[in-house]
Amino acid sequence: ILDPHRIVVGIDTLYTTQRETFTSESQQLIESALQTLHVMNLNKWKQISMRKVTIWLLDITLTLLTE
């Protein structure tokens, strides 16, 4: 089971470290993704939804890193 908080911290760290190499579009994408996950946490959505968003965030991050 993926821990959403750990994923967010990981992506946040990665985002800060790699900030210079991201385009503004990539930055906006990650920011909105993190914001979405935060909102979902606040609303206490079902675990399956959190899992989907977590996988989506990982997918975005991997895509950006391999560009």
N, C-alpha and C. Protein backbone atom coordinates (compact mmCIF):
# COMPACT_ATOMS: atom_id res chain seq x y z
N ILE A 1 0.85 -1.20 0.00
CA ILE A 1 0.00 0.00 0.00
C ILE A 1 0.88 1.25 0.00
N LEU A 2 0.60 2.16 -0.92
CA LEU A 2 1.36 3.39 -1.02
C LEU A 2 0.87 4.40 0.01
N ASP A 3 1.82 5.05 0.68
CA ASP A 3 1.48 6.06 1.67
C ASP A 3 1.47 7.43 0.99
N PRO A 4 0.29 8.03 0.81
CA PRO A 4 0.18 9.32 0.11
C PRO A 4 1.09 10.40 0.67
N HIS A 5 1.20 10.47 2.01
CA HIS A 5 2.03 11.51 2.62
C HIS A 5 3.49 11.36 2.21
N ARG A 6 3.98 10.12 2.23
CA ARG A 6 5.37 9.86 1.85
C ARG A 6 5.61 10.22 0.39
N ILE A 7 4.61 9.90 -0.45
CA ILE A 7 4.72 10.22 -1.87
C ILE A 7 4.80 11.73 -2.07
N VAL A 8 3.92 12.46 -1.38
CA VAL A 8 3.91 13.93 -1.50
C VAL A 8 5.25 14.51 -1.06
N VAL A 9 5.76 14.05 0.08
CA VAL A 9 7.05 14.53 0.57
C VAL A 9 8.15 14.22 -0.44
N GLY A 10 8.10 13.01 -1.00
CA GLY A 10 9.09 12.61 -2.00
C GLY A 10 9.04 13.47 -3.24
N ILE A 11 7.83 13.69 -3.75
CA ILE A 11 7.66 14.50 -4.95
C ILE A 11 8.04 15.95 -4.67
N ASP A 12 7.65 16.44 -3.48
CA ASP A 12 7.96 17.81 -3.09
C ASP A 12 9.47 18.02 -3.04
N THR A 13 10.19 17.06 -2.45
CA THR A 13 11.65 17.11 -2.36
C THR A 13 12.26 17.10 -3.75
N LEU A 14 11.77 16.19 -4.58
CA LEU A 14 12.23 16.03 -5.95
C LEU A 14 12.00 17.32 -6.73
N TYR A 15 10.82 17.89 -6.56
CA TYR A 15 10.42 19.11 -7.26
C TYR A 15 11.34 20.26 -6.89
N THR A 16 11.65 20.38 -5.59
CA THR A 16 12.52 21.45 -5.12
C THR A 16 13.94 21.27 -5.66
N THR A 17 14.42 20.02 -5.65
CA THR A 17 15.77 19.70 -6.13
C THR A 17 15.91 19.96 -7.62
N GLN A 18 14.89 19.57 -8.38
CA GLN A 18 14.95 19.64 -9.84
C GLN A 18 14.32 20.91 -10.41
N ARG A 19 13.94 21.83 -9.55
CA ARG A 19 13.16 23.01 -9.95
C ARG A 19 13.69 23.70 -11.21
N GLU A 20 14.99 23.90 -11.29
CA GLU A 20 15.58 24.65 -12.39
C GLU A 20 15.35 23.98 -13.75
N THR A 21 15.26 22.64 -13.76
CA THR A 21 15.16 21.93 -15.03
C THR A 21 13.72 21.81 -15.52
N PHE A 22 12.76 22.15 -14.66
CA PHE A 22 11.36 22.06 -15.07
C PHE A 22 10.91 23.30 -15.82
N THR A 23 10.08 23.12 -16.83
CA THR A 23 9.48 24.25 -17.52
C THR A 23 8.37 24.79 -16.62
N SER A 24 7.90 25.99 -16.91
CA SER A 24 6.83 26.56 -16.09
C SER A 24 5.57 25.71 -16.19
N GLU A 25 5.37 25.07 -17.34
CA GLU A 25 4.21 24.19 -17.53
C GLU A 25 4.33 22.98 -16.60
N SER A 26 5.53 22.43 -16.51
CA SER A 26 5.78 21.28 -15.64
C SER A 26 5.57 21.67 -14.18
N GLN A 27 6.03 22.86 -13.82
CA GLN A 27 5.87 23.35 -12.45
C GLN A 27 4.39 23.46 -12.10
N GLN A 28 3.62 24.03 -13.02
CA GLN A 28 2.18 24.20 -12.80
C GLN A 28 1.51 22.85 -12.65
N LEU A 29 1.93 21.89 -13.47
CA LEU A 29 1.37 20.54 -13.43
C LEU A 29 1.59 19.90 -12.07
N ILE A 30 2.82 19.98 -11.58
CA ILE A 30 3.14 19.38 -10.28
C ILE A 30 2.43 20.11 -9.15
N GLU A 31 2.41 21.46 -9.23
CA GLU A 31 1.74 22.23 -8.19
C GLU A 31 0.26 21.88 -8.10
N SER A 32 -0.40 21.78 -9.26
CA SER A 32 -1.82 21.45 -9.26
C SER A 32 -2.05 20.02 -8.78
N ALA A 33 -1.11 19.13 -9.12
CA ALA A 33 -1.21 17.74 -8.67
C ALA A 33 -1.10 17.65 -7.15
N LEU A 34 -0.11 18.36 -6.59
CA LEU A 34 0.07 18.37 -5.14
C LEU A 34 -1.14 18.99 -4.45
N GLN A 35 -1.67 20.06 -5.07
CA GLN A 35 -2.84 20.74 -4.53
C GLN A 35 -4.05 19.80 -4.52
N THR A 36 -4.21 19.06 -5.61
CA THR A 36 -5.30 18.10 -5.72
C THR A 36 -5.22 17.05 -4.62
N LEU A 37 -4.02 16.51 -4.40
CA LEU A 37 -3.83 15.48 -3.38
C LEU A 37 -4.13 16.06 -2.00
N HIS A 38 -3.71 17.30 -1.77
CA HIS A 38 -3.94 17.97 -0.49
C HIS A 38 -5.44 18.12 -0.23
N VAL A 39 -6.17 18.57 -1.25
CA VAL A 39 -7.62 18.74 -1.14
C VAL A 39 -8.29 17.40 -0.87
N MET A 40 -7.83 16.36 -1.56
CA MET A 40 -8.40 15.03 -1.36
C MET A 40 -8.15 14.54 0.06
N ASN A 41 -6.98 14.85 0.61
CA ASN A 41 -6.66 14.49 1.99
C ASN A 41 -7.63 15.18 2.95
N LEU A 42 -7.88 16.47 2.71
CA LEU A 42 -8.76 17.24 3.57
C LEU A 42 -10.18 16.69 3.55
N ASN A 43 -10.60 16.26 2.38
CA ASN A 43 -11.96 15.74 2.24
C ASN A 43 -12.09 14.27 2.65
N LYS A 44 -10.96 13.66 3.00
CA LYS A 44 -10.93 12.25 3.42
C LYS A 44 -11.63 11.34 2.42
N TRP A 45 -11.17 11.40 1.18
CA TRP A 45 -11.73 10.56 0.13
C TRP A 45 -11.38 9.10 0.39
N LYS A 46 -12.07 8.21 -0.33
CA LYS A 46 -11.83 6.78 -0.17
C LYS A 46 -10.39 6.43 -0.55
N GLN A 47 -9.86 5.39 0.07
CA GLN A 47 -8.49 4.96 -0.16
C GLN A 47 -8.22 4.66 -1.63
N ILE A 48 -9.19 4.10 -2.34
CA ILE A 48 -8.99 3.78 -3.75
C ILE A 48 -8.74 5.04 -4.57
N SER A 49 -9.43 6.13 -4.22
CA SER A 49 -9.24 7.39 -4.91
C SER A 49 -7.84 7.95 -4.64
N MET A 50 -7.42 7.86 -3.38
CA MET A 50 -6.09 8.33 -3.00
C MET A 50 -5.03 7.55 -3.77
N ARG A 51 -5.27 6.26 -3.92
CA ARG A 51 -4.33 5.39 -4.62
C ARG A 51 -4.20 5.80 -6.08
N LYS A 52 -5.34 6.10 -6.70
CA LYS A 52 -5.34 6.53 -8.10
C LYS A 52 -4.56 7.82 -8.28
N VAL A 53 -4.79 8.78 -7.38
CA VAL A 53 -4.10 10.06 -7.47
C VAL A 53 -2.61 9.88 -7.22
N THR A 54 -2.27 9.02 -6.27
CA THR A 54 -0.87 8.75 -5.96
C THR A 54 -0.15 8.19 -7.18
N ILE A 55 -0.79 7.23 -7.84
CA ILE A 55 -0.21 6.63 -9.05
C ILE A 55 -0.09 7.67 -10.15
N TRP A 56 -1.11 8.52 -10.26
CA TRP A 56 -1.11 9.60 -11.24
C TRP A 56 0.06 10.57 -11.00
N LEU A 57 0.27 10.92 -9.72
CA LEU A 57 1.38 11.81 -9.36
C LEU A 57 2.73 11.19 -9.70
N LEU A 58 2.89 9.90 -9.39
CA LEU A 58 4.14 9.21 -9.70
C LEU A 58 4.38 9.19 -11.20
N ASP A 59 3.31 8.96 -11.96
CA ASP A 59 3.38 8.91 -13.41
C ASP A 59 3.83 10.25 -13.97
N ILE A 60 3.25 11.33 -13.47
CA ILE A 60 3.63 12.68 -13.90
C ILE A 60 5.10 12.94 -13.61
N THR A 61 5.51 12.60 -12.39
CA THR A 61 6.90 12.84 -11.97
C THR A 61 7.88 12.08 -12.85
N LEU A 62 7.61 10.81 -13.09
CA LEU A 62 8.49 9.99 -13.93
C LEU A 62 8.55 10.53 -15.35
N THR A 63 7.40 10.96 -15.87
CA THR A 63 7.34 11.52 -17.21
C THR A 63 8.21 12.77 -17.31
N LEU A 64 8.10 13.65 -16.32
CA LEU A 64 8.87 14.89 -16.32
C LEU A 64 10.37 14.62 -16.23
N LEU A 65 10.75 13.63 -15.43
CA LEU A 65 12.16 13.33 -15.25
C LEU A 65 12.79 12.70 -16.48
N THR A 66 11.99 12.01 -17.28
CA THR A 66 12.55 11.33 -18.45
C THR A 66 12.45 12.16 -19.72
N GLU A 67 11.88 13.37 -19.61
CA GLU A 67 11.75 14.26 -20.78
C GLU A 67 13.11 14.71 -21.27
